[in-house]
Amino acid sequence: DTRRTRKLLLHKEEINKLLGQVEQKGLTLVPLKMYLKNGRVKVDIAVGRGKKLHDKREDIRQKDDKRAMERAMKRY
């Protein structure tokens, strides 16, 4: 069954620390790398904080500017 629960091979203190950060501080667990080793799937995880609204706006503005510059360069 692809949707079954999987064992998380961490110490209980590590699991509690991660859960506390996710629930209380509003952080997110992010899988960074996934690989096979000896028939098991291993995942490197990290804890991350989402962007603020003003950061998202800045990134969108930069992407739009870059796209506009590329379009202008393509014409000439």
PDB file of N, CA and C in Angstrom:
ATOM      1  N   ASP A   1       0.848  -1.183   0.000  1.00  0.00           N
ATOM      2  CA  ASP A   1       0.000   0.000   0.000  1.00  0.00           C
ATOM      3  C   ASP A   1       0.890   1.242   0.000  1.00  0.00           C
ATOM      4  N   THR A   2       0.735   2.085  -0.984  1.00  0.00           N
ATOM      5  CA  THR A   2       1.601   3.248  -1.107  1.00  0.00           C
ATOM      6  C   THR A   2       1.285   4.324  -0.076  1.00  0.00           C
ATOM      7  N   ARG A   3       0.107   4.307   0.519  1.00  0.00           N
ATOM      8  CA  ARG A   3      -0.298   5.340   1.481  1.00  0.00           C
ATOM      9  C   ARG A   3      -0.146   4.899   2.932  1.00  0.00           C
ATOM     10  N   ARG A   4       0.501   3.760   3.167  1.00  0.00           N
ATOM     11  CA  ARG A   4       0.631   3.290   4.546  1.00  0.00           C
ATOM     12  C   ARG A   4       1.586   4.185   5.327  1.00  0.00           C
ATOM     13  N   THR A   5       1.474   4.157   6.640  1.00  0.00           N
ATOM     14  CA  THR A   5       2.387   4.958   7.456  1.00  0.00           C
ATOM     15  C   THR A   5       3.757   4.303   7.453  1.00  0.00           C
ATOM     16  N   ARG A   6       4.781   5.137   7.476  1.00  0.00           N
ATOM     17  CA  ARG A   6       6.150   4.649   7.450  1.00  0.00           C
ATOM     18  C   ARG A   6       6.799   4.922   8.796  1.00  0.00           C
ATOM     19  N   LYS A   7       7.780   4.117   9.128  1.00  0.00           N
ATOM     20  CA  LYS A   7       8.539   4.351  10.345  1.00  0.00           C
ATOM     21  C   LYS A   7       9.528   5.468  10.108  1.00  0.00           C
ATOM     22  N   LEU A   8       9.642   6.342  11.092  1.00  0.00           N
ATOM     23  CA  LEU A   8      10.610   7.413  11.034  1.00  0.00           C
ATOM     24  C   LEU A   8      11.724   7.046  11.993  1.00  0.00           C
ATOM     25  N   LEU A   9      12.884   6.734  11.460  1.00  0.00           N
ATOM     26  CA  LEU A   9      13.971   6.233  12.287  1.00  0.00           C
ATOM     27  C   LEU A   9      14.785   7.387  12.877  1.00  0.00           C
ATOM     28  N   LEU A  10      14.229   7.958  13.929  1.00  0.00           N
ATOM     29  CA  LEU A  10      14.882   9.010  14.690  1.00  0.00           C
ATOM     30  C   LEU A  10      14.705   8.691  16.171  1.00  0.00           C
ATOM     31  N   HIS A  11      15.505   9.319  17.000  1.00  0.00           N
ATOM     32  CA  HIS A  11      15.306   9.177  18.437  1.00  0.00           C
ATOM     33  C   HIS A  11      14.043   9.934  18.837  1.00  0.00           C
ATOM     34  N   LYS A  12      13.409   9.500  19.901  1.00  0.00           N
ATOM     35  CA  LYS A  12      12.159  10.108  20.346  1.00  0.00           C
ATOM     36  C   LYS A  12      12.324  11.611  20.609  1.00  0.00           C
ATOM     37  N   GLU A  13      13.464  11.992  21.176  1.00  0.00           N
ATOM     38  CA  GLU A  13      13.702  13.412  21.453  1.00  0.00           C
ATOM     39  C   GLU A  13      13.772  14.217  20.167  1.00  0.00           C
ATOM     40  N   GLU A  14      14.390  13.641  19.131  1.00  0.00           N
ATOM     41  CA  GLU A  14      14.494  14.335  17.846  1.00  0.00           C
ATOM     42  C   GLU A  14      13.118  14.513  17.211  1.00  0.00           C
ATOM     43  N   ILE A  15      12.294  13.474  17.274  1.00  0.00           N
ATOM     44  CA  ILE A  15      10.940  13.556  16.721  1.00  0.00           C
ATOM     45  C   ILE A  15      10.139  14.612  17.471  1.00  0.00           C
ATOM     46  N   ASN A  16      10.221  14.608  18.807  1.00  0.00           N
ATOM     47  CA  ASN A  16       9.479  15.583  19.599  1.00  0.00           C
ATOM     48  C   ASN A  16       9.939  17.006  19.313  1.00  0.00           C
ATOM     49  N   LYS A  17      11.240  17.191  19.115  1.00  0.00           N
ATOM     50  CA  LYS A  17      11.774  18.509  18.812  1.00  0.00           C
ATOM     51  C   LYS A  17      11.232  19.006  17.469  1.00  0.00           C
ATOM     52  N   LEU A  18      11.243  18.133  16.458  1.00  0.00           N
ATOM     53  CA  LEU A  18      10.735  18.518  15.141  1.00  0.00           C
ATOM     54  C   LEU A  18       9.240  18.821  15.196  1.00  0.00           C
ATOM     55  N   LEU A  19       8.479  17.976  15.877  1.00  0.00           N
ATOM     56  CA  LEU A  19       7.040  18.204  15.982  1.00  0.00           C
ATOM     57  C   LEU A  19       6.745  19.501  16.716  1.00  0.00           C
ATOM     58  N   GLY A  20       7.499  19.797  17.768  1.00  0.00           N
ATOM     59  CA  GLY A  20       7.302  21.039  18.496  1.00  0.00           C
ATOM     60  C   GLY A  20       7.551  22.253  17.626  1.00  0.00           C
ATOM     61  N   GLN A  21       8.595  22.205  16.821  1.00  0.00           N
ATOM     62  CA  GLN A  21       8.904  23.325  15.934  1.00  0.00           C
ATOM     63  C   GLN A  21       7.827  23.506  14.877  1.00  0.00           C
ATOM     64  N   VAL A  22       7.323  22.393  14.345  1.00  0.00           N
ATOM     65  CA  VAL A  22       6.312  22.465  13.294  1.00  0.00           C
ATOM     66  C   VAL A  22       4.992  22.992  13.859  1.00  0.00           C
ATOM     67  N   GLU A  23       4.594  22.512  15.034  1.00  0.00           N
ATOM     68  CA  GLU A  23       3.295  22.885  15.588  1.00  0.00           C
ATOM     69  C   GLU A  23       3.310  24.264  16.237  1.00  0.00           C
ATOM     70  N   GLN A  24       4.325  24.591  17.001  1.00  0.00           N
ATOM     71  CA  GLN A  24       4.312  25.831  17.766  1.00  0.00           C
ATOM     72  C   GLN A  24       4.855  27.020  16.979  1.00  0.00           C
ATOM     73  N   LYS A  25       5.958  26.859  16.318  1.00  0.00           N
ATOM     74  CA  LYS A  25       6.594  27.973  15.628  1.00  0.00           C
ATOM     75  C   LYS A  25       6.094  28.150  14.206  1.00  0.00           C
ATOM     76  N   GLY A  26       5.309  27.209  13.706  1.00  0.00           N
ATOM     77  CA  GLY A  26       4.788  27.330  12.350  1.00  0.00           C
ATOM     78  C   GLY A  26       5.821  27.052  11.277  1.00  0.00           C
ATOM     79  N   LEU A  27       6.851  26.289  11.612  1.00  0.00           N
ATOM     80  CA  LEU A  27       7.872  25.938  10.635  1.00  0.00           C
ATOM     81  C   LEU A  27       7.403  24.739   9.813  1.00  0.00           C
ATOM     82  N   THR A  28       8.129  24.417   8.764  1.00  0.00           N
ATOM     83  CA  THR A  28       7.759  23.333   7.864  1.00  0.00           C
ATOM     84  C   THR A  28       8.926  22.373   7.701  1.00  0.00           C
ATOM     85  N   LEU A  29       8.621  21.075   7.670  1.00  0.00           N
ATOM     86  CA  LEU A  29       9.643  20.077   7.356  1.00  0.00           C
ATOM     87  C   LEU A  29       9.778  19.985   5.841  1.00  0.00           C
ATOM     88  N   VAL A  30      11.013  20.078   5.366  1.00  0.00           N
ATOM     89  CA  VAL A  30      11.267  20.084   3.929  1.00  0.00           C
ATOM     90  C   VAL A  30      12.227  18.949   3.593  1.00  0.00           C
ATOM     91  N   PRO A  31      11.822  18.029   2.689  1.00  0.00           N
ATOM     92  CA  PRO A  31      12.769  16.990   2.257  1.00  0.00           C
ATOM     93  C   PRO A  31      13.791  17.586   1.297  1.00  0.00           C
ATOM     94  N   LEU A  32      15.065  17.413   1.605  1.00  0.00           N
ATOM     95  CA  LEU A  32      16.122  17.976   0.771  1.00  0.00           C
ATOM     96  C   LEU A  32      16.658  16.978  -0.236  1.00  0.00           C
ATOM     97  N   LYS A  33      16.853  15.733   0.206  1.00  0.00           N
ATOM     98  CA  LYS A  33      17.461  14.738  -0.660  1.00  0.00           C
ATOM     99  C   LYS A  33      16.870  13.381  -0.313  1.00  0.00           C
ATOM    100  N   MET A  34      16.664  12.549  -1.321  1.00  0.00           N
ATOM    101  CA  MET A  34      16.106  11.223  -1.101  1.00  0.00           C
ATOM    102  C   MET A  34      16.942  10.229  -1.893  1.00  0.00           C
ATOM    103  N   TYR A  35      17.353   9.137  -1.236  1.00  0.00           N
ATOM    104  CA  TYR A  35      18.192   8.166  -1.919  1.00  0.00           C
ATOM    105  C   TYR A  35      17.979   6.781  -1.319  1.00  0.00           C
ATOM    106  N   LEU A  36      18.386   5.753  -2.063  1.00  0.00           N
ATOM    107  CA  LEU A  36      18.273   4.368  -1.622  1.00  0.00           C
ATOM    108  C   LEU A  36      19.609   3.901  -1.057  1.00  0.00           C
ATOM    109  N   LYS A  37      19.537   3.131   0.040  1.00  0.00           N
ATOM    110  CA  LYS A  37      20.738   2.549   0.614  1.00  0.00           C
ATOM    111  C   LYS A  37      20.344   1.249   1.297  1.00  0.00           C
ATOM    112  N   ASN A  38      20.907   0.155   0.821  1.00  0.00           N
ATOM    113  CA  ASN A  38      20.634  -1.178   1.365  1.00  0.00           C
ATOM    114  C   ASN A  38      19.143  -1.511   1.382  1.00  0.00           C
ATOM    115  N   GLY A  39      18.444  -1.179   0.318  1.00  0.00           N
ATOM    116  CA  GLY A  39      17.032  -1.512   0.213  1.00  0.00           C
ATOM    117  C   GLY A  39      16.111  -0.602   1.009  1.00  0.00           C
ATOM    118  N   ARG A  40      16.639   0.467   1.579  1.00  0.00           N
ATOM    119  CA  ARG A  40      15.828   1.419   2.337  1.00  0.00           C
ATOM    120  C   ARG A  40      15.902   2.786   1.665  1.00  0.00           C
ATOM    121  N   VAL A  41      14.861   3.538   1.838  1.00  0.00           N
ATOM    122  CA  VAL A  41      14.854   4.900   1.320  1.00  0.00           C
ATOM    123  C   VAL A  41      15.266   5.827   2.447  1.00  0.00           C
ATOM    124  N   LYS A  42      16.264   6.642   2.193  1.00  0.00           N
ATOM    125  CA  LYS A  42      16.722   7.599   3.193  1.00  0.00           C
ATOM    126  C   LYS A  42      16.386   9.000   2.697  1.00  0.00           C
ATOM    127  N   VAL A  43      16.004   9.852   3.632  1.00  0.00           N
ATOM    128  CA  VAL A  43      15.597  11.210   3.289  1.00  0.00           C
ATOM    129  C   VAL A  43      16.322  12.184   4.210  1.00  0.00           C
ATOM    130  N   ASP A  44      16.976  13.176   3.630  1.00  0.00           N
ATOM    131  CA  ASP A  44      17.534  14.277   4.402  1.00  0.00           C
ATOM    132  C   ASP A  44      16.438  15.316   4.535  1.00  0.00           C
ATOM    133  N   ILE A  45      16.126  15.712   5.777  1.00  0.00           N
ATOM    134  CA  ILE A  45      15.073  16.695   5.994  1.00  0.00           C
ATOM    135  C   ILE A  45      15.643  17.918   6.679  1.00  0.00           C
ATOM    136  N   ALA A  46      14.952  19.036   6.486  1.00  0.00           N
ATOM    137  CA  ALA A  46      15.335  20.285   7.119  1.00  0.00           C
ATOM    138  C   ALA A  46      14.078  20.977   7.608  1.00  0.00           C
ATOM    139  N   VAL A  47      14.259  21.905   8.518  1.00  0.00           N
ATOM    140  CA  VAL A  47      13.152  22.700   9.021  1.00  0.00           C
ATOM    141  C   VAL A  47      13.291  24.087   8.421  1.00  0.00           C
ATOM    142  N   GLY A  48      12.221  24.581   7.803  1.00  0.00           N
ATOM    143  CA  GLY A  48      12.305  25.879   7.140  1.00  0.00           C
ATOM    144  C   GLY A  48      11.119  26.763   7.465  1.00  0.00           C
ATOM    145  N   ARG A  49      11.320  28.047   7.275  1.00  0.00           N
ATOM    146  CA  ARG A  49      10.271  29.036   7.509  1.00  0.00           C
ATOM    147  C   ARG A  49       9.862  29.593   6.159  1.00  0.00           C
ATOM    148  N   GLY A  50       8.582  29.798   5.965  1.00  0.00           N
ATOM    149  CA  GLY A  50       8.078  30.330   4.707  1.00  0.00           C
ATOM    150  C   GLY A  50       8.428  31.789   4.519  1.00  0.00           C
ATOM    151  N   LYS A  51       8.276  32.259   3.299  1.00  0.00           N
ATOM    152  CA  LYS A  51       8.571  33.658   2.998  1.00  0.00           C
ATOM    153  C   LYS A  51       7.449  34.555   3.504  1.00  0.00           C
ATOM    154  N   LYS A  52       7.804  35.772   3.801  1.00  0.00           N
ATOM    155  CA  LYS A  52       6.822  36.789   4.145  1.00  0.00           C
ATOM    156  C   LYS A  52       6.242  37.334   2.851  1.00  0.00           C
ATOM    157  N   LEU A  53       5.112  38.011   2.944  1.00  0.00           N
ATOM    158  CA  LEU A  53       4.427  38.515   1.762  1.00  0.00           C
ATOM    159  C   LEU A  53       5.293  39.508   0.988  1.00  0.00           C
ATOM    160  N   HIS A  54       6.016  40.393   1.707  1.00  0.00           N
ATOM    161  CA  HIS A  54       6.832  41.375   0.992  1.00  0.00           C
ATOM    162  C   HIS A  54       7.999  40.698   0.275  1.00  0.00           C
ATOM    163  N   ASP A  55       8.510  39.582   0.800  1.00  0.00           N
ATOM    164  CA  ASP A  55       9.574  38.850   0.112  1.00  0.00           C
ATOM    165  C   ASP A  55       9.043  38.235  -1.181  1.00  0.00           C
ATOM    166  N   LYS A  56       7.827  37.704  -1.141  1.00  0.00           N
ATOM    167  CA  LYS A  56       7.237  37.108  -2.337  1.00  0.00           C
ATOM    168  C   LYS A  56       7.032  38.168  -3.412  1.00  0.00           C
ATOM    169  N   ARG A  57       6.560  39.335  -2.990  1.00  0.00           N
ATOM    170  CA  ARG A  57       6.332  40.415  -3.953  1.00  0.00           C
ATOM    171  C   ARG A  57       7.635  40.824  -4.630  1.00  0.00           C
ATOM    172  N   GLU A  58       8.703  40.903  -3.855  1.00  0.00           N
ATOM    173  CA  GLU A  58       9.998  41.285  -4.407  1.00  0.00           C
ATOM    174  C   GLU A  58      10.481  40.258  -5.426  1.00  0.00           C
ATOM    175  N   ASP A  59      10.329  38.968  -5.108  1.00  0.00           N
ATOM    176  CA  ASP A  59      10.745  37.913  -6.038  1.00  0.00           C
ATOM    177  C   ASP A  59       9.936  37.958  -7.326  1.00  0.00           C
ATOM    178  N   ILE A  60       8.639  38.174  -7.198  1.00  0.00           N
ATOM    179  CA  ILE A  60       7.779  38.253  -8.385  1.00  0.00           C
ATOM    180  C   ILE A  60       8.195  39.444  -9.246  1.00  0.00           C
ATOM    181  N   ARG A  61       8.484  40.574  -8.602  1.00  0.00           N
ATOM    182  CA  ARG A  61       8.900  41.771  -9.324  1.00  0.00           C
ATOM    183  C   ARG A  61      10.214  41.508 -10.066  1.00  0.00           C
ATOM    184  N   GLN A  62      11.165  40.841  -9.419  1.00  0.00           N
ATOM    185  CA  GLN A  62      12.444  40.542 -10.052  1.00  0.00           C
ATOM    186  C   GLN A  62      12.273  39.598 -11.239  1.00  0.00           C
ATOM    187  N   LYS A  63      11.419  38.593 -11.102  1.00  0.00           N
ATOM    188  CA  LYS A  63      11.170  37.665 -12.210  1.00  0.00           C
ATOM    189  C   LYS A  63      10.554  38.387 -13.395  1.00  0.00           C
ATOM    190  N   ASP A  64       9.574  39.273 -13.115  1.00  0.00           N
ATOM    191  CA  ASP A  64       8.941  40.022 -14.194  1.00  0.00           C
ATOM    192  C   ASP A  64       9.942  40.926 -14.902  1.00  0.00           C
ATOM    193  N   ASP A  65      10.808  41.599 -14.125  1.00  0.00           N
ATOM    194  CA  ASP A  65      11.822  42.464 -14.721  1.00  0.00           C
ATOM    195  C   ASP A  65      12.789  41.670 -15.593  1.00  0.00           C
ATOM    196  N   LYS A  66      13.206  40.513 -15.105  1.00  0.00           N
ATOM    197  CA  LYS A  66      14.133  39.680 -15.868  1.00  0.00           C
ATOM    198  C   LYS A  66      13.489  39.204 -17.168  1.00  0.00           C
ATOM    199  N   ARG A  67      12.211  38.802 -17.098  1.00  0.00           N
ATOM    200  CA  ARG A  67      11.489  38.355 -18.286  1.00  0.00           C
ATOM    201  C   ARG A  67      11.366  39.488 -19.294  1.00  0.00           C
ATOM    202  N   ALA A  68      11.083  40.696 -18.819  1.00  0.00           N
ATOM    203  CA  ALA A  68      10.944  41.843 -19.710  1.00  0.00           C
ATOM    204  C   ALA A  68      12.279  42.172 -20.382  1.00  0.00           C
ATOM    205  N   MET A  69      13.367  42.098 -19.628  1.00  0.00           N
ATOM    206  CA  MET A  69      14.687  42.361 -20.213  1.00  0.00           C
ATOM    207  C   MET A  69      15.036  41.321 -21.265  1.00  0.00           C
ATOM    208  N   GLU A  70      14.713  40.061 -21.011  1.00  0.00           N
ATOM    209  CA  GLU A  70      15.005  39.012 -22.000  1.00  0.00           C
ATOM    210  C   GLU A  70      14.190  39.215 -23.259  1.00  0.00           C
ATOM    211  N   ARG A  71      12.929  39.634 -23.126  1.00  0.00           N
ATOM    212  CA  ARG A  71      12.099  39.896 -24.288  1.00  0.00           C
ATOM    213  C   ARG A  71      12.658  41.061 -25.097  1.00  0.00           C
ATOM    214  N   ALA A  72      13.111  42.093 -24.407  1.00  0.00           N
ATOM    215  CA  ALA A  72      13.677  43.271 -25.084  1.00  0.00           C
ATOM    216  C   ALA A  72      14.969  42.877 -25.813  1.00  0.00           C
ATOM    217  N   MET A  73      15.800  42.048 -25.202  1.00  0.00           N
ATOM    218  CA  MET A  73      17.056  41.627 -25.830  1.00  0.00           C
ATOM    219  C   MET A  73      16.787  40.739 -27.046  1.00  0.00           C
ATOM    220  N   LYS A  74      15.723  39.967 -26.992  1.00  0.00           N
ATOM    221  CA  LYS A  74      15.411  39.037 -28.070  1.00  0.00           C
ATOM    222  C   LYS A  74      15.017  39.814 -29.349  1.00  0.00           C
ATOM    223  N   ARG A  75      14.379  40.963 -29.174  1.00  0.00           N
ATOM    224  CA  ARG A  75      13.933  41.767 -30.322  1.00  0.00           C
ATOM    225  C   ARG A  75      15.117  42.302 -31.124  1.00  0.00           C
ATOM    226  N   TYR A  76      16.237  42.583 -30.449  1.00  0.00           N
ATOM    227  CA  TYR A  76      17.358  43.214 -31.134  1.00  0.00           C
ATOM    228  C   TYR A  76      18.441  42.266 -31.451  1.00  0.00           C
TER     229      TYR A  76
END
